[in-house]
Amino acid sequence: MLKVYLDNCCLNRPFDDLSIGNNKNEASAKMFIQSLIKYKNIELYYSFVSQAEIEENPFDDIKAAIMDFIETNATAFVGENRLDEVKAIADKIMSTGIKPKDAAHIACAIFAGCDYFISTDKRLLKYQTNKIKLINPIEFMDMWRVE
């Protein structure tokens, strides 16, 4: 079964202004991915990095909705007890110019053995590695429909 890691940009997309750019299409694709997770077609992984970033959300209702979905549907969690392993991977990623939080997210996904890292962050999606496929939710949805 495919393992996916959704970064916070992706998790928050349905709560963004859907009249801007491609937000509505990305939100729809994220909800499609969420249904795949809910019905056990793919597995959701998350981490202490995700958890901390979600906690920073100033909107309690959004924070609660995202955490409820994750806690109800996630298959696995990369905890802070894996900080040393995650940091070693993140340091290599940061050496390519990726910001620390983004590198930590990707590192957690790689450490967990995820197949896909799903994000709406166009800048971040430019990072390439043979350890995990970085993809936007629309591309993931299109790929899923083809298979």
Protein backbone atom coordinates (compact mmCIF):
# COMPACT_ATOMS: atom_id res chain seq x y z
CA MET A 1 0.00 0.00 0.00
CA LEU A 2 1.25 3.50 -0.83
CA LYS A 3 2.43 5.62 2.07
CA VAL A 4 1.91 9.38 1.85
CA TYR A 5 2.96 12.36 3.94
CA LEU A 6 0.96 15.58 3.55
CA ASP A 7 2.75 18.74 4.58
CA ASN A 8 0.90 21.54 6.34
CA CYS A 9 0.42 23.58 3.16
CA CYS A 10 -1.52 20.66 1.76
CA LEU A 11 -3.42 19.93 4.98
CA ASN A 12 -4.54 23.55 5.18
CA ARG A 13 -5.44 24.05 1.51
CA PRO A 14 -9.23 23.46 1.90
CA PHE A 15 -9.27 26.26 4.49
CA ASP A 16 -7.50 28.79 2.23
CA ASP A 17 -9.19 31.39 0.00
CA LEU A 18 -10.48 29.14 -2.79
CA SER A 19 -10.98 32.06 -5.16
CA ILE A 20 -7.21 32.56 -5.51
CA GLY A 21 -5.31 30.82 -8.32
CA ASN A 22 -5.38 27.06 -8.26
CA ASN A 23 -6.46 26.80 -4.59
CA LYS A 24 -9.89 25.35 -5.36
CA ASN A 25 -8.47 22.57 -7.55
CA GLU A 26 -5.77 21.77 -5.01
CA ALA A 27 -8.36 21.73 -2.21
CA SER A 28 -10.54 19.31 -4.19
CA ALA A 29 -7.55 17.08 -4.89
CA LYS A 30 -6.55 17.16 -1.21
CA MET A 31 -10.08 16.09 -0.25
CA PHE A 32 -9.86 13.25 -2.80
CA ILE A 33 -6.58 12.13 -1.17
CA GLN A 34 -8.21 12.44 2.24
CA SER A 35 -10.97 10.06 1.11
CA LEU A 36 -8.35 7.58 -0.14
CA ILE A 37 -6.78 7.70 3.31
CA LYS A 38 -10.10 7.42 5.14
CA TYR A 39 -11.14 4.37 3.13
CA LYS A 40 -7.72 2.72 3.56
CA ASN A 41 -6.61 2.86 -0.08
CA ILE A 42 -3.39 4.63 0.96
CA GLU A 43 -1.66 5.15 4.30
CA LEU A 44 -1.10 8.52 5.96
CA TYR A 45 2.10 9.17 7.89
CA TYR A 46 2.77 12.29 9.98
CA SER A 47 5.38 13.54 12.39
CA PHE A 48 6.27 15.64 15.40
CA VAL A 49 7.11 18.39 12.87
CA SER A 50 3.55 18.28 11.49
CA GLN A 51 2.09 18.21 14.97
CA ALA A 52 4.07 21.26 16.09
CA GLU A 53 3.17 23.21 12.97
CA ILE A 54 -0.52 22.36 13.29
CA GLU A 55 -0.43 23.54 16.91
CA GLU A 56 0.82 26.93 15.66
CA ASN A 57 -2.37 27.46 13.63
CA PRO A 58 -4.17 30.48 15.12
CA PHE A 59 -7.62 29.13 14.17
CA ASP A 60 -8.78 26.61 16.75
CA ASP A 61 -11.51 25.13 14.53
CA ILE A 62 -9.08 24.48 11.66
CA LYS A 63 -6.45 23.09 14.02
CA ALA A 64 -9.05 20.76 15.57
CA ALA A 65 -10.37 19.58 12.18
CA ILE A 66 -6.89 18.75 10.88
CA MET A 67 -5.76 17.00 14.07
CA ASP A 68 -9.01 15.03 14.26
CA PHE A 69 -8.52 13.76 10.72
CA ILE A 70 -4.87 12.85 11.35
CA GLU A 71 -5.46 11.19 14.71
CA THR A 72 -8.40 9.20 13.32
CA ASN A 73 -6.74 8.11 10.07
CA ALA A 74 -2.93 8.13 10.33
CA THR A 75 -1.15 4.81 10.09
CA ALA A 76 2.12 5.91 11.66
CA PHE A 77 3.83 8.76 13.48
CA VAL A 78 7.50 9.76 13.46
CA GLY A 79 8.14 10.96 16.99
CA GLU A 80 10.78 13.22 18.51
CA ASN A 81 12.55 10.09 19.71
CA ARG A 82 13.78 9.85 16.09
CA LEU A 83 15.15 13.41 16.07
CA ASP A 84 18.78 12.38 15.52
CA GLU A 85 17.97 10.25 12.45
CA VAL A 86 15.60 12.89 11.06
CA LYS A 87 18.13 15.69 11.67
CA ALA A 88 20.85 13.82 9.76
CA ILE A 89 18.55 13.50 6.74
CA ALA A 90 17.28 17.10 7.08
CA ASP A 91 20.81 18.50 7.19
CA LYS A 92 21.55 16.97 3.79
CA ILE A 93 18.30 18.37 2.39
CA MET A 94 19.01 21.85 3.81
CA SER A 95 22.39 21.83 2.07
CA THR A 96 20.42 22.17 -1.20
CA GLY A 97 18.76 25.40 -0.02
CA ILE A 98 15.55 23.97 1.44
CA LYS A 99 14.34 25.77 4.59
CA PRO A 100 14.73 23.95 7.94
CA LYS A 101 11.01 23.22 8.59
CA ASP A 102 10.47 21.98 5.03
CA ALA A 103 13.61 19.86 5.22
CA ALA A 104 12.41 18.39 8.52
CA HIS A 105 9.06 17.44 6.97
CA ILE A 106 10.74 15.76 3.99
CA ALA A 107 13.24 14.05 6.28
CA CYS A 108 10.44 12.60 8.42
CA ALA A 109 8.68 11.31 5.31
CA ILE A 110 11.90 9.73 4.02
CA PHE A 111 12.70 8.25 7.44
CA ALA A 112 9.19 6.72 7.57
CA GLY A 113 9.64 5.15 4.14
CA CYS A 114 6.85 7.12 2.49
CA ASP A 115 6.38 6.83 -1.25
CA TYR A 116 4.99 10.35 -1.74
CA PHE A 117 5.42 13.73 -0.10
CA ILE A 118 2.39 15.82 -1.07
CA SER A 119 2.56 19.61 -0.92
CA THR A 120 1.06 22.71 -2.49
CA ASP A 121 4.31 24.65 -2.02
CA LYS A 122 5.58 25.21 -5.58
CA ARG A 123 9.05 26.21 -4.39
CA LEU A 124 9.41 23.11 -2.24
CA LEU A 125 8.18 20.82 -5.02
CA LYS A 126 11.23 21.80 -7.08
CA TYR A 127 13.41 19.75 -4.70
CA GLN A 128 14.15 16.35 -6.21
CA THR A 129 15.49 13.20 -4.60
CA ASN A 130 15.46 9.51 -5.42
CA LYS A 131 14.36 8.75 -1.84
CA ILE A 132 10.77 10.03 -2.18
CA LYS A 133 8.53 11.53 -4.87
CA LEU A 134 7.49 15.12 -4.17
CA ILE A 135 4.17 15.87 -5.81
CA ASN A 136 1.30 18.33 -5.69
CA PRO A 137 -2.18 16.99 -4.75
CA ILE A 138 -3.58 17.48 -8.26
CA GLU A 139 -0.71 15.50 -9.78
CA PHE A 140 -1.19 12.77 -7.17
CA MET A 141 -4.92 12.58 -7.91
CA ASP A 142 -4.26 12.39 -11.66
CA MET A 143 -1.62 9.70 -11.12
CA TRP A 144 -3.99 7.71 -8.90
CA ARG A 145 -6.78 7.83 -11.47
CA VAL A 146 -4.47 6.50 -14.20
CA GLU A 147 -3.29 3.48 -12.19
